Amino acid sequence: MTGNTKAPSKFGVLLYPGFEPLDVFGPIEALQMLSREVKLDIAWIGPTLDPVSTVPKDIPMNTTGSQVATLVVPTHTYDNPPKDLEVLLVPGGIGTTGEAHALAGPVEFIKDIYPKLSYLITICTGAELAARSGVLDGKRATANKDTWKTTTALRPQVNWVRMARYVVDGNCWTSGGVSAGIDATLAWIAHIYGEEVARRGANFMEYEWRDDRNWDPFAYMFGDGVTI
């Protein structure tokens, strides 16, 4: 363990209709690898205990009629989260593009739970939810590069860093789009347990870890006059 006297072991994943599957299951895979070496618990936190879908009914996903919804059954609700929660993962997804009133539940949950957390980790447009809650005000943060303009416009009080793959500011770890959440989670594991542990997990996943936090090629791919 590096730089910490007590390693967190109680994790929560924030669920809401329209979360992005890889935003959730990529980081969870890294944590599952970690669970082979240390004890940890993961709670799934939703608006109710009903299954939460990756395909929200009120936001058009596609025009093909595809049936691709993934459902996750929460173990806890926003109103009754684990009392000993230490780390919260906030995924992004199409659900973050909903109306403000539809996002009030997860946003208020982040605002209320943040003071009790040891770490907050956001993936992709999950940074939008954290930003809306105000917990990123005055902090450096990053998010999905394809939706950069809309994300950063939501909360100019945040010091947005476009070129970063992930950003660490205090106990807030924010990452870029989708797969960047895996990179940030592995980096968090390295921060707590050491790089060797994170490398073992990445290798077992057969995942090529992008461990340069300051470089995100998708800032150029989705760029519009990006400057460094």
C-alpha atoms as a PDB file:
ATOM      1  CA  MET A   1       0.000   0.000   0.000  1.00  0.00           C
ATOM      2  CA  THR A   2       1.459   3.360  -1.018  1.00  0.00           C
ATOM      3  CA  GLY A   3       0.789   6.693   0.656  1.00  0.00           C
ATOM      4  CA  ASN A   4      -2.202   5.499   2.691  1.00  0.00           C
ATOM      5  CA  THR A   5      -2.497   4.111   6.222  1.00  0.00           C
ATOM      6  CA  LYS A   6      -5.714   2.232   5.504  1.00  0.00           C
ATOM      7  CA  ALA A   7      -6.782   0.805   2.184  1.00  0.00           C
ATOM      8  CA  PRO A   8     -10.463   1.333   1.348  1.00  0.00           C
ATOM      9  CA  SER A   9     -12.452  -1.870   0.958  1.00  0.00           C
ATOM     10  CA  LYS A  10     -16.063  -0.682   0.596  1.00  0.00           C
ATOM     11  CA  PHE A  11     -16.956   0.300  -2.978  1.00  0.00           C
ATOM     12  CA  GLY A  12     -20.187   1.504  -4.501  1.00  0.00           C
ATOM     13  CA  VAL A  13     -21.285   1.833  -8.132  1.00  0.00           C
ATOM     14  CA  LEU A  14     -23.834   4.537  -8.891  1.00  0.00           C
ATOM     15  CA  LEU A  15     -26.544   3.240 -11.226  1.00  0.00           C
ATOM     16  CA  TYR A  16     -29.111   5.250 -13.180  1.00  0.00           C
ATOM     17  CA  PRO A  17     -31.105   4.539 -16.363  1.00  0.00           C
ATOM     18  CA  GLY A  18     -28.838   4.813 -19.382  1.00  0.00           C
ATOM     19  CA  PHE A  19     -25.462   4.107 -17.761  1.00  0.00           C
ATOM     20  CA  GLU A  20     -22.722   2.959 -20.162  1.00  0.00           C
ATOM     21  CA  PRO A  21     -21.882  -0.758 -19.675  1.00  0.00           C
ATOM     22  CA  LEU A  22     -18.094  -0.512 -20.093  1.00  0.00           C
ATOM     23  CA  ASP A  23     -17.960   2.521 -17.797  1.00  0.00           C
ATOM     24  CA  VAL A  24     -19.169   0.148 -15.098  1.00  0.00           C
ATOM     25  CA  PHE A  25     -17.860  -3.278 -15.985  1.00  0.00           C
ATOM     26  CA  GLY A  26     -14.381  -2.189 -17.096  1.00  0.00           C
ATOM     27  CA  PRO A  27     -13.465  -0.721 -13.693  1.00  0.00           C
ATOM     28  CA  ILE A  28     -15.352  -3.531 -11.936  1.00  0.00           C
ATOM     29  CA  GLU A  29     -13.232  -6.091 -13.794  1.00  0.00           C
ATOM     30  CA  ALA A  30     -10.099  -4.351 -12.494  1.00  0.00           C
ATOM     31  CA  LEU A  31     -11.522  -4.377  -8.960  1.00  0.00           C
ATOM     32  CA  GLN A  32     -12.486  -8.030  -9.322  1.00  0.00           C
ATOM     33  CA  MET A  33      -8.862  -8.772 -10.169  1.00  0.00           C
ATOM     34  CA  LEU A  34      -7.882  -6.863  -7.035  1.00  0.00           C
ATOM     35  CA  SER A  35     -10.327  -8.922  -4.973  1.00  0.00           C
ATOM     36  CA  ARG A  36      -8.192 -11.985  -5.703  1.00  0.00           C
ATOM     37  CA  GLU A  37      -5.491 -10.406  -3.528  1.00  0.00           C
ATOM     38  CA  VAL A  38      -7.354  -8.323  -0.938  1.00  0.00           C
ATOM     39  CA  LYS A  39     -10.832  -8.364   0.573  1.00  0.00           C
ATOM     40  CA  LEU A  40     -13.245  -5.816  -0.822  1.00  0.00           C
ATOM     41  CA  ASP A  41     -17.004  -5.395  -1.135  1.00  0.00           C
ATOM     42  CA  ILE A  42     -18.955  -3.795  -3.976  1.00  0.00           C
ATOM     43  CA  ALA A  43     -22.444  -2.327  -3.578  1.00  0.00           C
ATOM     44  CA  TRP A  44     -24.733  -1.465  -6.489  1.00  0.00           C
ATOM     45  CA  ILE A  45     -26.678   1.719  -5.750  1.00  0.00           C
ATOM     46  CA  GLY A  46     -29.778   2.634  -7.776  1.00  0.00           C
ATOM     47  CA  PRO A  47     -32.845   4.847  -7.497  1.00  0.00           C
ATOM     48  CA  THR A  48     -34.838   1.809  -6.306  1.00  0.00           C
ATOM     49  CA  LEU A  49     -34.139  -1.898  -5.946  1.00  0.00           C
ATOM     50  CA  ASP A  50     -35.651  -2.517  -9.374  1.00  0.00           C
ATOM     51  CA  PRO A  51     -33.266  -3.508 -12.190  1.00  0.00           C
ATOM     52  CA  VAL A  52     -31.547  -0.522 -13.825  1.00  0.00           C
ATOM     53  CA  SER A  53     -31.190  -0.615 -17.615  1.00  0.00           C
ATOM     54  CA  THR A  54     -28.452   0.676 -19.885  1.00  0.00           C
ATOM     55  CA  VAL A  55     -31.221   1.694 -22.311  1.00  0.00           C
ATOM     56  CA  PRO A  56     -33.522   4.349 -20.843  1.00  0.00           C
ATOM     57  CA  LYS A  57     -37.076   4.387 -22.143  1.00  0.00           C
ATOM     58  CA  ASP A  58     -37.262   8.160 -22.488  1.00  0.00           C
ATOM     59  CA  ILE A  59     -34.031   8.744 -24.465  1.00  0.00           C
ATOM     60  CA  PRO A  60     -33.799   7.479 -28.078  1.00  0.00           C
ATOM     61  CA  MET A  61     -30.755   5.208 -28.389  1.00  0.00           C
ATOM     62  CA  ASN A  62     -30.980   4.176 -32.041  1.00  0.00           C
ATOM     63  CA  THR A  63     -33.424   3.703 -34.881  1.00  0.00           C
ATOM     64  CA  THR A  64     -32.655   0.054 -35.645  1.00  0.00           C
ATOM     65  CA  GLY A  65     -34.927  -1.564 -33.113  1.00  0.00           C
ATOM     66  CA  SER A  66     -31.999  -3.407 -31.538  1.00  0.00           C
ATOM     67  CA  GLN A  67     -32.580  -5.169 -28.226  1.00  0.00           C
ATOM     68  CA  VAL A  68     -29.320  -4.594 -26.329  1.00  0.00           C
ATOM     69  CA  ALA A  69     -30.326  -3.530 -22.831  1.00  0.00           C
ATOM     70  CA  THR A  70     -28.207  -4.719 -19.919  1.00  0.00           C
ATOM     71  CA  LEU A  71     -29.943  -4.809 -16.545  1.00  0.00           C
ATOM     72  CA  VAL A  72     -28.265  -4.557 -13.151  1.00  0.00           C
ATOM     73  CA  VAL A  73     -30.127  -5.248  -9.913  1.00  0.00           C
ATOM     74  CA  PRO A  74     -29.148  -2.753  -7.171  1.00  0.00           C
ATOM     75  CA  THR A  75     -28.238  -3.925  -3.695  1.00  0.00           C
ATOM     76  CA  HIS A  76     -28.901  -0.471  -2.215  1.00  0.00           C
ATOM     77  CA  THR A  77     -30.800   2.704  -3.060  1.00  0.00           C
ATOM     78  CA  TYR A  78     -29.885   6.384  -3.074  1.00  0.00           C
ATOM     79  CA  ASP A  79     -31.963   6.774   0.088  1.00  0.00           C
ATOM     80  CA  ASN A  80     -30.375   3.796   1.812  1.00  0.00           C
ATOM     81  CA  PRO A  81     -26.725   3.469   0.723  1.00  0.00           C
ATOM     82  CA  PRO A  82     -24.118   1.429   2.594  1.00  0.00           C
ATOM     83  CA  LYS A  83     -23.230   3.278   5.778  1.00  0.00           C
ATOM     84  CA  ASP A  84     -19.535   2.432   5.465  1.00  0.00           C
ATOM     85  CA  LEU A  85     -19.104   3.378   1.783  1.00  0.00           C
ATOM     86  CA  GLU A  86     -15.541   4.532   1.062  1.00  0.00           C
ATOM     87  CA  VAL A  87     -15.174   4.683  -2.734  1.00  0.00           C
ATOM     88  CA  LEU A  88     -17.906   5.663  -5.201  1.00  0.00           C
ATOM     89  CA  LEU A  89     -17.664   4.946  -8.932  1.00  0.00           C
ATOM     90  CA  VAL A  90     -19.801   7.213 -11.123  1.00  0.00           C
ATOM     91  CA  PRO A  91     -20.191   5.939 -14.694  1.00  0.00           C
ATOM     92  CA  GLY A  92     -21.262   7.984 -17.671  1.00  0.00           C
ATOM     93  CA  GLY A  93     -23.681   7.068 -20.404  1.00  0.00           C
ATOM     94  CA  ILE A  94     -26.544   8.286 -22.536  1.00  0.00           C
ATOM     95  CA  GLY A  95     -28.542   8.777 -19.351  1.00  0.00           C
ATOM     96  CA  THR A  96     -26.480  11.841 -18.475  1.00  0.00           C
ATOM     97  CA  THR A  97     -28.032  13.654 -21.443  1.00  0.00           C
ATOM     98  CA  GLY A  98     -31.469  13.639 -19.826  1.00  0.00           C
ATOM     99  CA  GLU A  99     -33.310  16.631 -18.447  1.00  0.00           C
ATOM    100  CA  ALA A 100     -31.961  18.129 -15.225  1.00  0.00           C
ATOM    101  CA  HIS A 101     -34.981  16.998 -13.224  1.00  0.00           C
ATOM    102  CA  ALA A 102     -34.403  13.404 -14.354  1.00  0.00           C
ATOM    103  CA  LEU A 103     -30.812  13.571 -13.085  1.00  0.00           C
ATOM    104  CA  ALA A 104     -31.705  15.093  -9.727  1.00  0.00           C
ATOM    105  CA  GLY A 105     -31.561  11.720  -7.934  1.00  0.00           C
ATOM    106  CA  PRO A 106     -27.983  10.705  -8.786  1.00  0.00           C
ATOM    107  CA  VAL A 107     -26.734  14.304  -8.586  1.00  0.00           C
ATOM    108  CA  GLU A 108     -28.151  14.817  -5.097  1.00  0.00           C
ATOM    109  CA  PHE A 109     -26.819  11.446  -4.031  1.00  0.00           C
ATOM    110  CA  ILE A 110     -23.277  12.414  -5.060  1.00  0.00           C
ATOM    111  CA  LYS A 111     -23.609  15.743  -3.268  1.00  0.00           C
ATOM    112  CA  ASP A 112     -24.817  14.100  -0.067  1.00  0.00           C
ATOM    113  CA  ILE A 113     -22.419  11.144  -0.001  1.00  0.00           C
ATOM    114  CA  TYR A 114     -19.220  12.885  -1.120  1.00  0.00           C
ATOM    115  CA  PRO A 115     -18.218  14.292   2.311  1.00  0.00           C
ATOM    116  CA  LYS A 116     -18.264  10.733   3.683  1.00  0.00           C
ATOM    117  CA  LEU A 117     -16.118   9.224   0.929  1.00  0.00           C
ATOM    118  CA  SER A 118     -12.424   8.494   0.858  1.00  0.00           C
ATOM    119  CA  TYR A 119     -12.411   8.600  -2.959  1.00  0.00           C
ATOM    120  CA  LEU A 120     -14.685   9.559  -5.840  1.00  0.00           C
ATOM    121  CA  ILE A 121     -13.940   8.035  -9.247  1.00  0.00           C
ATOM    122  CA  THR A 122     -15.844   9.230 -12.324  1.00  0.00           C
ATOM    123  CA  ILE A 123     -15.810   7.640 -15.751  1.00  0.00           C
ATOM    124  CA  CYS A 124     -16.640   9.373 -19.026  1.00  0.00           C
ATOM    125  CA  THR A 125     -19.705  11.639 -18.712  1.00  0.00           C
ATOM    126  CA  GLY A 126     -20.070  10.537 -15.113  1.00  0.00           C
ATOM    127  CA  ALA A 127     -18.043  13.700 -14.521  1.00  0.00           C
ATOM    128  CA  GLU A 128     -21.145  15.627 -15.612  1.00  0.00           C
ATOM    129  CA  LEU A 129     -23.105  14.230 -12.687  1.00  0.00           C
ATOM    130  CA  ALA A 130     -20.308  14.998 -10.237  1.00  0.00           C
ATOM    131  CA  ALA A 131     -19.903  18.482 -11.717  1.00  0.00           C
ATOM    132  CA  ARG A 132     -23.632  19.196 -11.447  1.00  0.00           C
ATOM    133  CA  SER A 133     -23.449  18.275  -7.773  1.00  0.00           C
ATOM    134  CA  GLY A 134     -20.785  20.942  -7.195  1.00  0.00           C
ATOM    135  CA  VAL A 135     -18.206  18.580  -5.674  1.00  0.00           C
ATOM    136  CA  LEU A 136     -15.723  19.269  -8.490  1.00  0.00           C
ATOM    137  CA  ASP A 137     -15.853  23.063  -8.157  1.00  0.00           C
ATOM    138  CA  GLY A 138     -12.339  24.502  -8.016  1.00  0.00           C
ATOM    139  CA  LYS A 139     -10.802  21.113  -8.864  1.00  0.00           C
ATOM    140  CA  ARG A 140      -9.020  19.886 -11.969  1.00  0.00           C
ATOM    141  CA  ALA A 141     -11.045  17.260 -13.816  1.00  0.00           C
ATOM    142  CA  THR A 142     -11.530  15.614 -17.182  1.00  0.00           C
ATOM    143  CA  ALA A 143     -14.319  13.797 -19.007  1.00  0.00           C
ATOM    144  CA  ASN A 144     -15.363  12.280 -22.339  1.00  0.00           C
ATOM    145  CA  LYS A 145     -13.714  14.115 -25.233  1.00  0.00           C
ATOM    146  CA  ASP A 146     -16.512  13.546 -27.739  1.00  0.00           C
ATOM    147  CA  THR A 147     -18.959  15.464 -25.538  1.00  0.00           C
ATOM    148  CA  TRP A 148     -16.384  17.922 -24.230  1.00  0.00           C
ATOM    149  CA  LYS A 149     -18.182  21.159 -25.106  1.00  0.00           C
ATOM    150  CA  THR A 150     -21.474  20.225 -23.506  1.00  0.00           C
ATOM    151  CA  THR A 151     -19.856  18.652 -20.467  1.00  0.00           C
ATOM    152  CA  THR A 152     -17.577  21.572 -19.653  1.00  0.00           C
ATOM    153  CA  ALA A 153     -20.308  24.131 -20.305  1.00  0.00           C
ATOM    154  CA  LEU A 154     -22.421  22.587 -17.560  1.00  0.00           C
ATOM    155  CA  ARG A 155     -20.038  23.720 -14.817  1.00  0.00           C
ATOM    156  CA  PRO A 156     -17.381  26.334 -15.648  1.00  0.00           C
ATOM    157  CA  GLN A 157     -16.416  26.375 -11.955  1.00  0.00           C
ATOM    158  CA  VAL A 158     -14.476  23.167 -12.659  1.00  0.00           C
ATOM    159  CA  ASN A 159     -10.920  23.432 -14.019  1.00  0.00           C
ATOM    160  CA  TRP A 160     -11.420  21.114 -16.993  1.00  0.00           C
ATOM    161  CA  VAL A 161      -8.296  19.451 -18.453  1.00  0.00           C
ATOM    162  CA  ARG A 162      -8.899  18.316 -22.017  1.00  0.00           C
ATOM    163  CA  MET A 163      -5.670  16.486 -22.863  1.00  0.00           C
ATOM    164  CA  ALA A 164      -5.714  14.246 -19.783  1.00  0.00           C
ATOM    165  CA  ARG A 165      -6.578  10.566 -19.877  1.00  0.00           C
ATOM    166  CA  TYR A 166      -7.438  10.918 -16.210  1.00  0.00           C
ATOM    167  CA  VAL A 167      -6.949  13.582 -13.558  1.00  0.00           C
ATOM    168  CA  VAL A 168      -6.291  13.293  -9.837  1.00  0.00           C
ATOM    169  CA  ASP A 169      -7.154  16.230  -7.609  1.00  0.00           C
ATOM    170  CA  GLY A 170      -7.311  15.411  -3.938  1.00  0.00           C
ATOM    171  CA  ASN A 171      -9.631  12.447  -3.495  1.00  0.00           C
ATOM    172  CA  CYS A 172     -11.336  12.977  -6.867  1.00  0.00           C
ATOM    173  CA  TRP A 173     -10.241  10.805  -9.779  1.00  0.00           C
ATOM    174  CA  THR A 174     -11.914  11.753 -13.055  1.00  0.00           C
ATOM    175  CA  SER A 175     -11.336   9.921 -16.330  1.00  0.00           C
ATOM    176  CA  GLY A 176     -12.013  10.403 -20.028  1.00  0.00           C
ATOM    177  CA  GLY A 177     -14.331   8.418 -22.251  1.00  0.00           C
ATOM    178  CA  VAL A 178     -15.455   4.855 -21.583  1.00  0.00           C
ATOM    179  CA  SER A 179     -12.262   2.730 -21.525  1.00  0.00           C
ATOM    180  CA  ALA A 180     -10.357   5.514 -19.744  1.00  0.00           C
ATOM    181  CA  GLY A 181     -12.200   4.392 -16.629  1.00  0.00           C
ATOM    182  CA  ILE A 182     -10.200   1.171 -16.685  1.00  0.00           C
ATOM    183  CA  ASP A 183      -6.958   3.156 -16.909  1.00  0.00           C
ATOM    184  CA  ALA A 184      -7.960   5.385 -14.000  1.00  0.00           C
ATOM    185  CA  THR A 185      -9.056   2.455 -11.844  1.00  0.00           C
ATOM    186  CA  LEU A 186      -5.800   0.618 -12.469  1.00  0.00           C
ATOM    187  CA  ALA A 187      -3.921   3.818 -11.602  1.00  0.00           C
ATOM    188  CA  TRP A 188      -5.960   4.105  -8.406  1.00  0.00           C
ATOM    189  CA  ILE A 189      -5.075   0.503  -7.535  1.00  0.00           C
ATOM    190  CA  ALA A 190      -1.400   1.323  -8.161  1.00  0.00           C
ATOM    191  CA  HIS A 191      -1.724   4.386  -5.919  1.00  0.00           C
ATOM    192  CA  ILE A 192      -3.130   2.335  -3.058  1.00  0.00           C
ATOM    193  CA  TYR A 193      -1.425  -1.051  -3.454  1.00  0.00           C
ATOM    194  CA  GLY A 194       1.540  -0.374  -5.725  1.00  0.00           C
ATOM    195  CA  GLU A 195       2.128  -0.666  -9.451  1.00  0.00           C
ATOM    196  CA  GLU A 196       3.013  -4.362  -9.312  1.00  0.00           C
ATOM    197  CA  VAL A 197      -0.474  -5.226  -8.086  1.00  0.00           C
ATOM    198  CA  ALA A 198      -2.097  -3.064 -10.777  1.00  0.00           C
ATOM    199  CA  ARG A 199       0.126  -4.582 -13.484  1.00  0.00           C
ATOM    200  CA  ARG A 200      -0.785  -8.098 -12.425  1.00  0.00           C
ATOM    201  CA  GLY A 201      -4.453  -7.245 -12.712  1.00  0.00           C
ATOM    202  CA  ALA A 202      -4.065  -5.558 -16.093  1.00  0.00           C
ATOM    203  CA  ASN A 203      -2.052  -8.485 -17.447  1.00  0.00           C
ATOM    204  CA  PHE A 204      -4.574 -11.023 -16.224  1.00  0.00           C
ATOM    205  CA  MET A 205      -7.280  -8.970 -17.958  1.00  0.00           C
ATOM    206  CA  GLU A 206      -5.036  -8.912 -21.060  1.00  0.00           C
ATOM    207  CA  TYR A 207      -5.607  -5.184 -21.071  1.00  0.00           C
ATOM    208  CA  GLU A 208      -3.025  -2.758 -22.475  1.00  0.00           C
ATOM    209  CA  TRP A 209      -3.027  -0.177 -19.705  1.00  0.00           C
ATOM    210  CA  ARG A 210      -2.630   3.448 -20.824  1.00  0.00           C
ATOM    211  CA  ASP A 211      -0.834   4.687 -17.731  1.00  0.00           C
ATOM    212  CA  ASP A 212       0.131   8.157 -18.977  1.00  0.00           C
ATOM    213  CA  ARG A 213      -2.474  10.300 -17.270  1.00  0.00           C
ATOM    214  CA  ASN A 214      -1.564  13.401 -19.276  1.00  0.00           C
ATOM    215  CA  TRP A 215      -2.155  11.991 -22.751  1.00  0.00           C
ATOM    216  CA  ASP A 216      -5.510  11.132 -24.303  1.00  0.00           C
ATOM    217  CA  PRO A 217      -5.412  10.629 -28.104  1.00  0.00           C
ATOM    218  CA  PHE A 218      -9.189  11.002 -28.256  1.00  0.00           C
ATOM    219  CA  ALA A 219      -8.803  14.664 -27.403  1.00  0.00           C
ATOM    220  CA  TYR A 220      -7.449  14.946 -30.953  1.00  0.00           C
ATOM    221  CA  MET A 221      -9.759  12.430 -32.557  1.00  0.00           C
ATOM    222  CA  PHE A 222     -12.782  14.352 -31.307  1.00  0.00           C
ATOM    223  CA  GLY A 223     -10.925  17.658 -31.272  1.00  0.00           C
ATOM    224  CA  ASP A 224     -11.959  20.970 -32.714  1.00  0.00           C
ATOM    225  CA  GLY A 225      -8.909  23.160 -32.589  1.00  0.00           C
ATOM    226  CA  VAL A 226      -7.358  21.478 -29.571  1.00  0.00           C
ATOM    227  CA  THR A 227      -4.351  23.222 -28.113  1.00  0.00           C
ATOM    228  CA  ILE A 228      -1.949  21.752 -25.604  1.00  0.00           C
END
